[in-house]
Amino acid sequence: MDFNNSYQEIDLSYCRASSGKRLANYIIDLIVFYIILLGIYICIGILLPGILDGINDLLDRLIAMVCYGFIMCLIEAVSRGKSIGKLITGTKAVNLDGSEIDFGKAFTRNMIRSIPFNAISGLGNPCDPWHDRWSDTIVIDEKKLALQTQRADLFDSVKNQTL
């Protein structure tokens, strides 16, 4: 057997989260966002009554898009690549090399989400939306990553025993 190949590399393309999990992440995160946004609007309405009366529909949508990017950025930055949806589905956003994302990467990822039609860019198989492509990140399934890690460890132990 030839064990000269390096098996320590983990294939993140194999660990990529499925389109179904990505859709579930989006739906869960959207519900959580609207609950948070409703709470913010209620607080603003109580503390500054009448300030929300002058906001038209377009301005409201723009504010909501920017708030979505900012709130999701904070959640992903604090939890190192996991939003509420990702926590529930067992997925995680990481850099292309597999390292955890930092605040700057989370900010970039989530501000790109406020671009119209970003959600449509995620259609397809494999799911590769703009906010992943342009920020050099990937959403991985943590169970698949654990299997890849176990595989690499197994091959390393077999390789060390034969030498």
C-alpha atoms as a PDB file:
ATOM      1  CA  MET A   1       0.000   0.000   0.000  1.00  0.00           C
ATOM      2  CA  ASP A   2       1.124   3.485  -0.774  1.00  0.00           C
ATOM      3  CA  PHE A   3       0.710   5.744   2.252  1.00  0.00           C
ATOM      4  CA  ASN A   4       2.832   8.553   0.867  1.00  0.00           C
ATOM      5  CA  ASN A   5      -0.273  10.621   0.175  1.00  0.00           C
ATOM      6  CA  SER A   6      -1.164  13.067   2.884  1.00  0.00           C
ATOM      7  CA  TYR A   7      -4.508  12.147   4.438  1.00  0.00           C
ATOM      8  CA  GLN A   8      -4.428  14.966   6.951  1.00  0.00           C
ATOM      9  CA  GLU A   9      -6.114  17.341   4.532  1.00  0.00           C
ATOM     10  CA  ILE A  10      -9.834  17.551   5.167  1.00  0.00           C
ATOM     11  CA  ASP A  11     -11.984  17.878   2.070  1.00  0.00           C
ATOM     12  CA  LEU A  12     -14.301  20.784   2.920  1.00  0.00           C
ATOM     13  CA  SER A  13     -16.180  20.389  -0.352  1.00  0.00           C
ATOM     14  CA  TYR A  14     -17.360  17.006   0.965  1.00  0.00           C
ATOM     15  CA  CYS A  15     -18.358  18.655   4.252  1.00  0.00           C
ATOM     16  CA  ARG A  16     -20.447  21.342   2.515  1.00  0.00           C
ATOM     17  CA  ALA A  17     -23.930  21.722   4.008  1.00  0.00           C
ATOM     18  CA  SER A  18     -26.783  20.562   1.791  1.00  0.00           C
ATOM     19  CA  SER A  19     -29.154  22.978   0.087  1.00  0.00           C
ATOM     20  CA  GLY A  20     -31.966  21.760   2.335  1.00  0.00           C
ATOM     21  CA  LYS A  21     -30.025  22.592   5.493  1.00  0.00           C
ATOM     22  CA  ARG A  22     -29.079  25.973   4.060  1.00  0.00           C
ATOM     23  CA  LEU A  23     -32.753  26.701   3.333  1.00  0.00           C
ATOM     24  CA  ALA A  24     -33.688  25.626   6.871  1.00  0.00           C
ATOM     25  CA  ASN A  25     -30.943  27.922   8.245  1.00  0.00           C
ATOM     26  CA  TYR A  26     -32.337  30.832   6.250  1.00  0.00           C
ATOM     27  CA  ILE A  27     -35.943  30.277   7.332  1.00  0.00           C
ATOM     28  CA  ILE A  28     -35.040  29.854  11.022  1.00  0.00           C
ATOM     29  CA  ASP A  29     -32.727  32.869  10.963  1.00  0.00           C
ATOM     30  CA  LEU A  30     -35.382  34.976   9.226  1.00  0.00           C
ATOM     31  CA  ILE A  31     -37.968  34.099  11.880  1.00  0.00           C
ATOM     32  CA  VAL A  32     -35.498  34.901  14.671  1.00  0.00           C
ATOM     33  CA  PHE A  33     -34.576  38.178  12.941  1.00  0.00           C
ATOM     34  CA  TYR A  34     -38.193  39.306  12.634  1.00  0.00           C
ATOM     35  CA  ILE A  35     -38.789  38.542  16.304  1.00  0.00           C
ATOM     36  CA  ILE A  36     -35.713  40.625  17.237  1.00  0.00           C
ATOM     37  CA  LEU A  37     -36.732  43.412  14.829  1.00  0.00           C
ATOM     38  CA  LEU A  38     -40.253  43.469  16.264  1.00  0.00           C
ATOM     39  CA  GLY A  39     -38.750  43.850  19.730  1.00  0.00           C
ATOM     40  CA  ILE A  40     -36.544  46.712  18.516  1.00  0.00           C
ATOM     41  CA  TYR A  41     -39.522  48.460  16.860  1.00  0.00           C
ATOM     42  CA  ILE A  42     -41.601  48.079  20.035  1.00  0.00           C
ATOM     43  CA  CYS A  43     -38.782  49.574  22.145  1.00  0.00           C
ATOM     44  CA  ILE A  44     -38.353  52.463  19.687  1.00  0.00           C
ATOM     45  CA  GLY A  45     -42.123  53.006  19.639  1.00  0.00           C
ATOM     46  CA  ILE A  46     -42.236  53.177  23.440  1.00  0.00           C
ATOM     47  CA  LEU A  47     -39.123  55.311  23.917  1.00  0.00           C
ATOM     48  CA  LEU A  48     -39.563  57.614  20.910  1.00  0.00           C
ATOM     49  CA  PRO A  49     -43.273  57.649  20.003  1.00  0.00           C
ATOM     50  CA  GLY A  50     -44.063  58.967  16.553  1.00  0.00           C
ATOM     51  CA  ILE A  51     -40.575  58.486  15.083  1.00  0.00           C
ATOM     52  CA  LEU A  52     -41.671  55.455  13.082  1.00  0.00           C
ATOM     53  CA  ASP A  53     -44.689  57.259  11.578  1.00  0.00           C
ATOM     54  CA  GLY A  54     -42.649  59.053   8.904  1.00  0.00           C
ATOM     55  CA  ILE A  55     -40.984  55.915   7.541  1.00  0.00           C
ATOM     56  CA  ASN A  56     -42.281  54.846   4.150  1.00  0.00           C
ATOM     57  CA  ASP A  57     -42.279  51.276   2.837  1.00  0.00           C
ATOM     58  CA  LEU A  58     -39.034  51.558   0.861  1.00  0.00           C
ATOM     59  CA  LEU A  59     -37.113  53.092   3.745  1.00  0.00           C
ATOM     60  CA  ASP A  60     -38.525  50.449   6.086  1.00  0.00           C
ATOM     61  CA  ARG A  61     -37.273  47.679   3.780  1.00  0.00           C
ATOM     62  CA  LEU A  62     -33.818  49.249   3.501  1.00  0.00           C
ATOM     63  CA  ILE A  63     -33.559  49.600   7.271  1.00  0.00           C
ATOM     64  CA  ALA A  64     -34.692  45.986   7.695  1.00  0.00           C
ATOM     65  CA  MET A  65     -32.100  44.703   5.178  1.00  0.00           C
ATOM     66  CA  VAL A  66     -29.242  46.529   6.890  1.00  0.00           C
ATOM     67  CA  CYS A  67     -30.496  45.463  10.326  1.00  0.00           C
ATOM     68  CA  TYR A  68     -30.657  41.851   9.104  1.00  0.00           C
ATOM     69  CA  GLY A  69     -27.033  41.969   8.011  1.00  0.00           C
ATOM     70  CA  PHE A  70     -25.918  43.644  11.236  1.00  0.00           C
ATOM     71  CA  ILE A  71     -27.871  41.371  13.600  1.00  0.00           C
ATOM     72  CA  MET A  72     -26.753  38.217  11.789  1.00  0.00           C
ATOM     73  CA  CYS A  73     -23.173  39.549  11.838  1.00  0.00           C
ATOM     74  CA  LEU A  74     -23.287  39.976  15.608  1.00  0.00           C
ATOM     75  CA  ILE A  75     -24.780  36.509  16.133  1.00  0.00           C
ATOM     76  CA  GLU A  76     -22.226  34.798  13.846  1.00  0.00           C
ATOM     77  CA  ALA A  77     -19.282  36.759  15.258  1.00  0.00           C
ATOM     78  CA  VAL A  78     -20.157  35.988  18.878  1.00  0.00           C
ATOM     79  CA  SER A  79     -20.861  32.306  18.218  1.00  0.00           C
ATOM     80  CA  ARG A  80     -17.871  31.853  15.857  1.00  0.00           C
ATOM     81  CA  GLY A  81     -19.736  31.101  12.634  1.00  0.00           C
ATOM     82  CA  LYS A  82     -23.046  29.834  13.944  1.00  0.00           C
ATOM     83  CA  SER A  83     -26.387  31.538  13.691  1.00  0.00           C
ATOM     84  CA  ILE A  84     -29.493  30.233  15.448  1.00  0.00           C
ATOM     85  CA  GLY A  85     -30.443  28.289  12.306  1.00  0.00           C
ATOM     86  CA  LYS A  86     -26.948  26.829  11.987  1.00  0.00           C
ATOM     87  CA  LEU A  87     -27.004  25.838  15.653  1.00  0.00           C
ATOM     88  CA  ILE A  88     -30.262  23.942  15.142  1.00  0.00           C
ATOM     89  CA  THR A  89     -29.200  22.230  11.878  1.00  0.00           C
ATOM     90  CA  GLY A  90     -25.637  21.416  12.980  1.00  0.00           C
ATOM     91  CA  THR A  91     -23.858  23.572  10.417  1.00  0.00           C
ATOM     92  CA  LYS A  92     -21.208  26.263  10.711  1.00  0.00           C
ATOM     93  CA  ALA A  93     -19.679  29.013   8.561  1.00  0.00           C
ATOM     94  CA  VAL A  94     -15.899  28.731   8.211  1.00  0.00           C
ATOM     95  CA  ASN A  95     -13.162  30.175   6.023  1.00  0.00           C
ATOM     96  CA  LEU A  96     -12.217  28.234   2.896  1.00  0.00           C
ATOM     97  CA  ASP A  97      -9.220  26.757   4.737  1.00  0.00           C
ATOM     98  CA  GLY A  98     -11.473  25.438   7.528  1.00  0.00           C
ATOM     99  CA  SER A  99     -10.503  28.009  10.158  1.00  0.00           C
ATOM    100  CA  GLU A 100     -13.139  29.849  12.167  1.00  0.00           C
ATOM    101  CA  ILE A 101     -14.405  33.162  10.847  1.00  0.00           C
ATOM    102  CA  ASP A 102     -13.563  36.353  12.693  1.00  0.00           C
ATOM    103  CA  PHE A 103     -15.690  39.483  13.155  1.00  0.00           C
ATOM    104  CA  GLY A 104     -14.488  41.054   9.887  1.00  0.00           C
ATOM    105  CA  LYS A 105     -15.440  37.979   7.888  1.00  0.00           C
ATOM    106  CA  ALA A 106     -18.807  37.728   9.656  1.00  0.00           C
ATOM    107  CA  PHE A 107     -19.432  41.404   8.900  1.00  0.00           C
ATOM    108  CA  THR A 108     -18.561  40.973   5.212  1.00  0.00           C
ATOM    109  CA  ARG A 109     -20.684  37.823   4.875  1.00  0.00           C
ATOM    110  CA  ASN A 110     -23.727  39.338   6.437  1.00  0.00           C
ATOM    111  CA  MET A 111     -23.602  42.765   4.809  1.00  0.00           C
ATOM    112  CA  ILE A 112     -23.491  41.009   1.435  1.00  0.00           C
ATOM    113  CA  ARG A 113     -26.735  39.301   2.487  1.00  0.00           C
ATOM    114  CA  SER A 114     -28.480  42.656   2.284  1.00  0.00           C
ATOM    115  CA  ILE A 115     -27.919  42.762  -1.488  1.00  0.00           C
ATOM    116  CA  PRO A 116     -31.241  42.125  -3.231  1.00  0.00           C
ATOM    117  CA  PHE A 117     -31.569  38.673  -4.813  1.00  0.00           C
ATOM    118  CA  ASN A 118     -28.767  37.204  -2.678  1.00  0.00           C
ATOM    119  CA  ALA A 119     -31.144  34.447  -1.560  1.00  0.00           C
ATOM    120  CA  ILE A 120     -31.789  33.498  -5.184  1.00  0.00           C
ATOM    121  CA  SER A 121     -28.029  33.160  -5.751  1.00  0.00           C
ATOM    122  CA  GLY A 122     -28.087  30.221  -3.333  1.00  0.00           C
ATOM    123  CA  LEU A 123     -30.310  28.123  -5.566  1.00  0.00           C
ATOM    124  CA  GLY A 124     -28.498  25.247  -7.140  1.00  0.00           C
ATOM    125  CA  ASN A 125     -26.494  22.278  -6.125  1.00  0.00           C
ATOM    126  CA  PRO A 126     -24.091  22.774  -4.425  1.00  0.00           C
ATOM    127  CA  CYS A 127     -25.511  25.814  -2.685  1.00  0.00           C
ATOM    128  CA  ASP A 128     -23.001  28.633  -3.174  1.00  0.00           C
ATOM    129  CA  PRO A 129     -24.669  32.004  -2.573  1.00  0.00           C
ATOM    130  CA  TRP A 130     -22.954  35.331  -3.110  1.00  0.00           C
ATOM    131  CA  HIS A 131     -22.346  35.939   0.585  1.00  0.00           C
ATOM    132  CA  ASP A 132     -20.230  32.754   0.681  1.00  0.00           C
ATOM    133  CA  ARG A 133     -18.484  33.266  -2.640  1.00  0.00           C
ATOM    134  CA  TRP A 134     -17.562  36.926  -2.165  1.00  0.00           C
ATOM    135  CA  SER A 135     -16.412  36.528   1.446  1.00  0.00           C
ATOM    136  CA  ASP A 136     -14.395  33.333   0.801  1.00  0.00           C
ATOM    137  CA  THR A 137     -16.383  31.286   3.296  1.00  0.00           C
ATOM    138  CA  ILE A 138     -18.234  27.990   3.194  1.00  0.00           C
ATOM    139  CA  VAL A 139     -21.003  26.543   5.351  1.00  0.00           C
ATOM    140  CA  ILE A 140     -20.138  23.026   6.469  1.00  0.00           C
ATOM    141  CA  ASP A 141     -22.079  20.205   8.075  1.00  0.00           C
ATOM    142  CA  GLU A 142     -20.387  19.477  11.385  1.00  0.00           C
ATOM    143  CA  LYS A 143     -21.246  15.745  11.284  1.00  0.00           C
ATOM    144  CA  LYS A 144     -19.545  15.375   7.917  1.00  0.00           C
ATOM    145  CA  LEU A 145     -16.556  17.323   9.235  1.00  0.00           C
ATOM    146  CA  ALA A 146     -16.317  14.963  12.215  1.00  0.00           C
ATOM    147  CA  LEU A 147     -16.348  11.964   9.833  1.00  0.00           C
ATOM    148  CA  GLN A 148     -13.611  13.530   7.694  1.00  0.00           C
ATOM    149  CA  THR A 149     -11.510  14.174  10.809  1.00  0.00           C
ATOM    150  CA  GLN A 150     -11.967  10.586  11.993  1.00  0.00           C
ATOM    151  CA  ARG A 151     -11.001   9.351   8.518  1.00  0.00           C
ATOM    152  CA  ALA A 152      -7.828  11.438   8.537  1.00  0.00           C
ATOM    153  CA  ASP A 153      -6.943  10.234  12.039  1.00  0.00           C
ATOM    154  CA  LEU A 154      -7.525   6.610  11.033  1.00  0.00           C
ATOM    155  CA  PHE A 155      -5.279   6.868   7.981  1.00  0.00           C
ATOM    156  CA  ASP A 156      -2.613   8.634  10.011  1.00  0.00           C
ATOM    157  CA  SER A 157      -2.617   5.902  12.663  1.00  0.00           C
ATOM    158  CA  VAL A 158      -2.443   3.145   9.998  1.00  0.00           C
ATOM    159  CA  LYS A 159       0.351   5.027   8.234  1.00  0.00           C
ATOM    160  CA  ASN A 160       2.340   5.342  11.483  1.00  0.00           C
ATOM    161  CA  GLN A 161       1.934   1.623  12.248  1.00  0.00           C
ATOM    162  CA  THR A 162       3.284   0.520   8.869  1.00  0.00           C
ATOM    163  CA  LEU A 163       6.404   2.660   9.016  1.00  0.00           C
END
